[in-house]
PDB file of all heavy atoms in Angstrom:
ATOM      1  N   TYR A   1       0.256  87.513 -84.522  1.00  0.00           N
ATOM      2  CA  TYR A   1       0.679  88.691 -85.282  1.00  0.00           C
ATOM      3  C   TYR A   1       0.209  89.956 -84.560  1.00  0.00           C
ATOM      4  O   TYR A   1       0.947  90.945 -84.472  1.00  0.00           O
ATOM      5  CB  TYR A   1       0.096  88.627 -86.691  1.00  0.00           C
ATOM      6  CG  TYR A   1       0.511  89.769 -87.593  1.00  0.00           C
ATOM      7  CD1 TYR A   1       1.675  89.689 -88.350  1.00  0.00           C
ATOM      8  CD2 TYR A   1      -0.255  90.926 -87.699  1.00  0.00           C
ATOM      9  CE1 TYR A   1       2.069  90.727 -89.186  1.00  0.00           C
ATOM     10  CE2 TYR A   1       0.126  91.977 -88.525  1.00  0.00           C
ATOM     11  CZ  TYR A   1       1.291  91.866 -89.264  1.00  0.00           C
ATOM     12  OH  TYR A   1       1.676  92.901 -90.074  1.00  0.00           O
ATOM     13  N   ALA A   2      -1.018  89.917 -84.018  1.00  0.00           N
ATOM     14  CA  ALA A   2      -1.549  91.064 -83.290  1.00  0.00           C
ATOM     15  C   ALA A   2      -0.983  91.137 -81.875  1.00  0.00           C
ATOM     16  O   ALA A   2      -0.689  92.217 -81.371  1.00  0.00           O
ATOM     17  CB  ALA A   2      -3.075  91.002 -83.238  1.00  0.00           C
ATOM     18  N   ALA A   3      -0.828  89.970 -81.235  1.00  0.00           N
ATOM     19  CA  ALA A   3      -0.454  89.952 -79.818  1.00  0.00           C
ATOM     20  C   ALA A   3       1.047  90.103 -79.594  1.00  0.00           C
ATOM     21  O   ALA A   3       1.469  90.672 -78.577  1.00  0.00           O
ATOM     22  CB  ALA A   3      -0.938  88.655 -79.169  1.00  0.00           C
ATOM     23  N   HIS A   4       1.864  89.580 -80.511  1.00  0.00           N
ATOM     24  CA  HIS A   4       3.317  89.554 -80.284  1.00  0.00           C
ATOM     25  C   HIS A   4       4.123  90.281 -81.360  1.00  0.00           C
ATOM     26  O   HIS A   4       5.288  90.587 -81.136  1.00  0.00           O
ATOM     27  CB  HIS A   4       3.806  88.102 -80.177  1.00  0.00           C
ATOM     28  CG  HIS A   4       3.245  87.364 -79.005  1.00  0.00           C
ATOM     29  ND1 HIS A   4       3.735  87.513 -77.730  1.00  0.00           N
ATOM     30  CD2 HIS A   4       2.215  86.486 -78.918  1.00  0.00           C
ATOM     31  CE1 HIS A   4       3.044  86.744 -76.899  1.00  0.00           C
ATOM     32  NE2 HIS A   4       2.110  86.114 -77.595  1.00  0.00           N
ATOM     33  N   GLY A   5       3.526  90.499 -82.520  1.00  0.00           N
ATOM     34  CA  GLY A   5       4.224  91.250 -83.548  1.00  0.00           C
ATOM     35  C   GLY A   5       4.963  90.371 -84.542  1.00  0.00           C
ATOM     36  O   GLY A   5       5.228  89.182 -84.316  1.00  0.00           O
ATOM     37  N   ARG A   6       5.310  90.982 -85.645  1.00  0.00           N
ATOM     38  CA  ARG A   6       5.948  90.297 -86.764  1.00  0.00           C
ATOM     39  C   ARG A   6       7.278  89.644 -86.366  1.00  0.00           C
ATOM     40  O   ARG A   6       7.612  88.547 -86.801  1.00  0.00           O
ATOM     41  CB  ARG A   6       6.176  91.303 -87.894  1.00  0.00           C
ATOM     42  CG  ARG A   6       6.739  90.721 -89.163  1.00  0.00           C
ATOM     43  CD  ARG A   6       6.947  91.811 -90.213  1.00  0.00           C
ATOM     44  NE  ARG A   6       7.365  91.225 -91.476  1.00  0.00           N
ATOM     45  CZ  ARG A   6       6.536  90.803 -92.411  1.00  0.00           C
ATOM     46  NH1 ARG A   6       5.228  90.931 -92.222  1.00  0.00           N
ATOM     47  NH2 ARG A   6       6.979  90.275 -93.520  1.00  0.00           N
ATOM     48  N   GLY A   7       8.029  90.316 -85.500  1.00  0.00           N
ATOM     49  CA  GLY A   7       9.344  89.792 -85.125  1.00  0.00           C
ATOM     50  C   GLY A   7       9.273  88.458 -84.426  1.00  0.00           C
ATOM     51  O   GLY A   7      10.086  87.551 -84.697  1.00  0.00           O
ATOM     52  N   GLU A   8       8.315  88.289 -83.520  1.00  0.00           N
ATOM     53  CA  GLU A   8       8.191  87.026 -82.804  1.00  0.00           C
ATOM     54  C   GLU A   8       7.739  85.898 -83.730  1.00  0.00           C
ATOM     55  O   GLU A   8       8.158  84.750 -83.577  1.00  0.00           O
ATOM     56  CB  GLU A   8       7.221  87.161 -81.634  1.00  0.00           C
ATOM     57  CG  GLU A   8       7.804  87.892 -80.433  1.00  0.00           C
ATOM     58  CD  GLU A   8       8.970  87.137 -79.802  1.00  0.00           C
ATOM     59  OE1 GLU A   8       9.100  85.911 -80.020  1.00  0.00           O
ATOM     60  OE2 GLU A   8       9.768  87.781 -79.095  1.00  0.00           O
ATOM     61  N   LEU A   9       6.861  86.195 -84.699  1.00  0.00           N
ATOM     62  CA  LEU A   9       6.456  85.175 -85.657  1.00  0.00           C
ATOM     63  C   LEU A   9       7.651  84.721 -86.488  1.00  0.00           C
ATOM     64  O   LEU A   9       7.847  83.522 -86.723  1.00  0.00           O
ATOM     65  CB  LEU A   9       5.348  85.709 -86.576  1.00  0.00           C
ATOM     66  CG  LEU A   9       3.910  85.446 -86.114  1.00  0.00           C
ATOM     67  CD1 LEU A   9       3.567  86.266 -84.881  1.00  0.00           C
ATOM     68  CD2 LEU A   9       2.912  85.739 -87.237  1.00  0.00           C
ATOM     69  N   THR A  10       8.460  85.673 -86.901  1.00  0.00           N
ATOM     70  CA  THR A  10       9.657  85.327 -87.680  1.00  0.00           C
ATOM     71  C   THR A  10      10.617  84.484 -86.853  1.00  0.00           C
ATOM     72  O   THR A  10      11.202  83.512 -87.357  1.00  0.00           O
ATOM     73  CB  THR A  10      10.357  86.613 -88.158  1.00  0.00           C
ATOM     74  OG1 THR A  10       9.426  87.383 -88.939  1.00  0.00           O
ATOM     75  CG2 THR A  10      11.581  86.297 -88.994  1.00  0.00           C
ATOM     76  N   ARG A  11      10.758  84.825 -85.587  1.00  0.00           N
ATOM     77  CA  ARG A  11      11.637  84.067 -84.703  1.00  0.00           C
ATOM     78  C   ARG A  11      11.156  82.633 -84.555  1.00  0.00           C
ATOM     79  O   ARG A  11      11.952  81.678 -84.572  1.00  0.00           O
ATOM     80  CB  ARG A  11      11.691  84.752 -83.335  1.00  0.00           C
ATOM     81  CG  ARG A  11      12.477  84.010 -82.269  1.00  0.00           C
ATOM     82  CD  ARG A  11      12.356  84.757 -80.936  1.00  0.00           C
ATOM     83  NE  ARG A  11      12.902  84.160 -79.774  1.00  0.00           N
ATOM     84  CZ  ARG A  11      12.652  82.977 -79.252  1.00  0.00           C
ATOM     85  NH1 ARG A  11      11.857  82.162 -79.883  1.00  0.00           N
ATOM     86  NH2 ARG A  11      13.168  82.577 -78.125  1.00  0.00           N
ATOM     87  N   SER A  12       9.848  82.423 -84.403  1.00  0.00           N
ATOM     88  CA  SER A  12       9.299  81.074 -84.285  1.00  0.00           C
ATOM     89  C   SER A  12       9.569  80.265 -85.548  1.00  0.00           C
ATOM     90  O   SER A  12       9.929  79.082 -85.483  1.00  0.00           O
ATOM     91  CB  SER A  12       7.798  81.131 -84.012  1.00  0.00           C
ATOM     92  OG  SER A  12       7.530  81.641 -82.718  1.00  0.00           O
ATOM     93  N   LEU A  13       9.398  80.888 -86.704  1.00  0.00           N
ATOM     94  CA  LEU A  13       9.629  80.185 -87.964  1.00  0.00           C
ATOM     95  C   LEU A  13      11.094  79.808 -88.129  1.00  0.00           C
ATOM     96  O   LEU A  13      11.436  78.708 -88.579  1.00  0.00           O
ATOM     97  CB  LEU A  13       9.174  81.057 -89.135  1.00  0.00           C
ATOM     98  CG  LEU A  13       7.661  81.285 -89.230  1.00  0.00           C
ATOM     99  CD1 LEU A  13       7.340  82.336 -90.277  1.00  0.00           C
ATOM    100  CD2 LEU A  13       6.958  79.974 -89.557  1.00  0.00           C
ATOM    101  N   GLU A  14      11.997  80.717 -87.766  1.00  0.00           N
ATOM    102  CA  GLU A  14      13.430  80.415 -87.855  1.00  0.00           C
ATOM    103  C   GLU A  14      13.810  79.271 -86.925  1.00  0.00           C
ATOM    104  O   GLU A  14      14.593  78.383 -87.286  1.00  0.00           O
ATOM    105  CB  GLU A  14      14.239  81.670 -87.530  1.00  0.00           C
ATOM    106  CG  GLU A  14      14.134  82.748 -88.604  1.00  0.00           C
ATOM    107  CD  GLU A  14      14.806  84.042 -88.177  1.00  0.00           C
ATOM    108  OE1 GLU A  14      15.145  84.169 -86.972  1.00  0.00           O
ATOM    109  OE2 GLU A  14      14.992  84.928 -89.036  1.00  0.00           O
ATOM    110  N   ALA A  15      13.247  79.261 -85.720  1.00  0.00           N
ATOM    111  CA  ALA A  15      13.534  78.179 -84.774  1.00  0.00           C
ATOM    112  C   ALA A  15      13.022  76.846 -85.304  1.00  0.00           C
ATOM    113  O   ALA A  15      13.694  75.810 -85.172  1.00  0.00           O
ATOM    114  CB  ALA A  15      12.900  78.490 -83.419  1.00  0.00           C
ATOM    115  N   ALA A  16      11.828  76.852 -85.910  1.00  0.00           N
ATOM    116  CA  ALA A  16      11.270  75.619 -86.455  1.00  0.00           C
ATOM    117  C   ALA A  16      12.141  75.077 -87.578  1.00  0.00           C
ATOM    118  O   ALA A  16      12.350  73.862 -87.687  1.00  0.00           O
ATOM    119  CB  ALA A  16       9.845  75.866 -86.955  1.00  0.00           C
ATOM    120  N   ARG A  17      12.670  75.970 -88.404  1.00  0.00           N
ATOM    121  CA  ARG A  17      13.500  75.531 -89.531  1.00  0.00           C
ATOM    122  C   ARG A  17      14.845  74.959 -89.075  1.00  0.00           C
ATOM    123  O   ARG A  17      15.463  74.165 -89.782  1.00  0.00           O
ATOM    124  CB  ARG A  17      13.727  76.697 -90.496  1.00  0.00           C
ATOM    125  CG  ARG A  17      12.470  77.132 -91.244  1.00  0.00           C
ATOM    126  CD  ARG A  17      12.806  78.132 -92.332  1.00  0.00           C
ATOM    127  NE  ARG A  17      11.611  78.569 -93.048  1.00  0.00           N
ATOM    128  CZ  ARG A  17      11.019  79.741 -92.889  1.00  0.00           C
ATOM    129  NH1 ARG A  17      11.513  80.616 -92.003  1.00  0.00           N
ATOM    130  NH2 ARG A  17       9.943  80.063 -93.581  1.00  0.00           N
ATOM    131  N   ARG A  18      15.291  75.356 -87.887  1.00  0.00           N
ATOM    132  CA  ARG A  18      16.576  74.843 -87.389  1.00  0.00           C
ATOM    133  C   ARG A  18      16.469  73.399 -86.900  1.00  0.00           C
ATOM    134  O   ARG A  18      17.493  72.752 -86.686  1.00  0.00           O
ATOM    135  CB  ARG A  18      17.109  75.734 -86.263  1.00  0.00           C
ATOM    136  CG  ARG A  18      17.661  77.075 -86.748  1.00  0.00           C
ATOM    137  CD  ARG A  18      18.494  77.750 -85.674  1.00  0.00           C
ATOM    138  NE  ARG A  18      17.692  78.159 -84.542  1.00  0.00           N
ATOM    139  CZ  ARG A  18      17.110  79.360 -84.416  1.00  0.00           C
ATOM    140  NH1 ARG A  18      17.246  80.250 -85.406  1.00  0.00           N
ATOM    141  NH2 ARG A  18      16.417  79.674 -83.346  1.00  0.00           N
ATOM    142  N   GLY A  19      15.252  72.900 -86.723  1.00  0.00           N
ATOM    143  CA  GLY A  19      15.089  71.504 -86.325  1.00  0.00           C
ATOM    144  C   GLY A  19      14.669  71.347 -84.884  1.00  0.00           C
ATOM    145  O   GLY A  19      14.426  72.318 -84.160  1.00  0.00           O
ATOM    146  N   VAL A  20      14.586  70.092 -84.447  1.00  0.00           N
ATOM    147  CA  VAL A  20      14.053  69.763 -83.118  1.00  0.00           C
ATOM    148  C   VAL A  20      15.128  69.927 -82.053  1.00  0.00           C
ATOM    149  O   VAL A  20      16.331  69.891 -82.348  1.00  0.00           O
ATOM    150  CB  VAL A  20      13.501  68.329 -83.103  1.00  0.00           C
ATOM    151  CG1 VAL A  20      12.400  68.166 -84.130  1.00  0.00           C
ATOM    152  CG2 VAL A  20      14.613  67.313 -83.356  1.00  0.00           C
ATOM    153  N   PRO A  21      14.731  70.094 -80.793  1.00  0.00           N
ATOM    154  CA  PRO A  21      15.717  70.206 -79.702  1.00  0.00           C
ATOM    155  C   PRO A  21      16.532  68.919 -79.545  1.00  0.00           C
ATOM    156  O   PRO A  21      16.014  67.816 -79.731  1.00  0.00           O
ATOM    157  CB  PRO A  21      14.841  70.445 -78.461  1.00  0.00           C
ATOM    158  CG  PRO A  21      13.527  70.926 -78.979  1.00  0.00           C
ATOM    159  CD  PRO A  21      13.347  70.260 -80.299  1.00  0.00           C
ATOM    160  N   ARG A  22      17.769  69.069 -79.181  1.00  0.00           N
ATOM    161  CA  ARG A  22      18.654  67.908 -78.969  1.00  0.00           C
ATOM    162  C   ARG A  22      18.762  67.527 -77.503  1.00  0.00           C
ATOM    163  O   ARG A  22      19.342  66.499 -77.168  1.00  0.00           O
ATOM    164  CB  ARG A  22      20.043  68.206 -79.541  1.00  0.00           C
ATOM    165  CG  ARG A  22      20.028  68.451 -81.043  1.00  0.00           C
ATOM    166  CD  ARG A  22      21.435  68.685 -81.565  1.00  0.00           C
ATOM    167  NE  ARG A  22      21.434  68.928 -83.006  1.00  0.00           N
ATOM    168  CZ  ARG A  22      21.455  67.964 -83.932  1.00  0.00           C
ATOM    169  NH1 ARG A  22      21.467  66.697 -83.544  1.00  0.00           N
ATOM    170  NH2 ARG A  22      21.459  68.264 -85.206  1.00  0.00           N
ATOM    171  N   SER A  23      18.206  68.359 -76.632  1.00  0.00           N
ATOM    172  CA  SER A  23      18.241  68.051 -75.200  1.00  0.00           C
ATOM    173  C   SER A  23      16.976  68.600 -74.556  1.00  0.00           C
ATOM    174  O   SER A  23      16.234  69.376 -75.160  1.00  0.00           O
ATOM    175  CB  SER A  23      19.483  68.664 -74.542  1.00  0.00           C
ATOM    176  OG  SER A  23      19.477  70.083 -74.683  1.00  0.00           O
ATOM    177  N   GLY A  24      16.732  68.190 -73.316  1.00  0.00           N
ATOM    178  CA  GLY A  24      15.571  68.673 -72.590  1.00  0.00           C
ATOM    179  C   GLY A  24      14.360  67.774 -72.775  1.00  0.00           C
ATOM    180  O   GLY A  24      14.435  66.717 -73.405  1.00  0.00           O
ATOM    181  N   PRO A  25      13.209  68.195 -72.244  1.00  0.00           N
ATOM    182  CA  PRO A  25      12.007  67.351 -72.276  1.00  0.00           C
ATOM    183  C   PRO A  25      11.519  66.993 -73.679  1.00  0.00           C
ATOM    184  O   PRO A  25      10.821  65.997 -73.849  1.00  0.00           O
ATOM    185  CB  PRO A  25      10.954  68.210 -71.546  1.00  0.00           C
ATOM    186  CG  PRO A  25      11.737  69.150 -70.705  1.00  0.00           C
ATOM    187  CD  PRO A  25      12.994  69.431 -71.465  1.00  0.00           C
ATOM    188  N   LEU A  26      11.849  67.815 -74.681  1.00  0.00           N
ATOM    189  CA  LEU A  26      11.393  67.546 -76.042  1.00  0.00           C
ATOM    190  C   LEU A  26      12.453  66.863 -76.895  1.00  0.00           C
ATOM    191  O   LEU A  26      12.272  66.696 -78.109  1.00  0.00           O
ATOM    192  CB  LEU A  26      10.940  68.848 -76.709  1.00  0.00           C
ATOM    193  CG  LEU A  26       9.648  69.453 -76.159  1.00  0.00           C
ATOM    194  CD1 LEU A  26       9.374  70.815 -76.774  1.00  0.00           C
ATOM    195  CD2 LEU A  26       8.466  68.518 -76.400  1.00  0.00           C
ATOM    196  N   ALA A  27      13.543  66.448 -76.286  1.00  0.00           N
ATOM    197  CA  ALA A  27      14.563  65.693 -77.029  1.00  0.00           C
ATOM    198  C   ALA A  27      13.974  64.358 -77.463  1.00  0.00           C
ATOM    199  O   ALA A  27      13.161  63.759 -76.769  1.00  0.00           O
ATOM    200  CB  ALA A  27      15.791  65.469 -76.162  1.00  0.00           C
TER     201      ALA A  27
END
């Protein structure tokens, strides 16, 4: 929150809610 700001935290949460990656090393 201090280092990257509110917008980046919101972006991380939105990405997490969309689910896991379907391709790449974390597929």
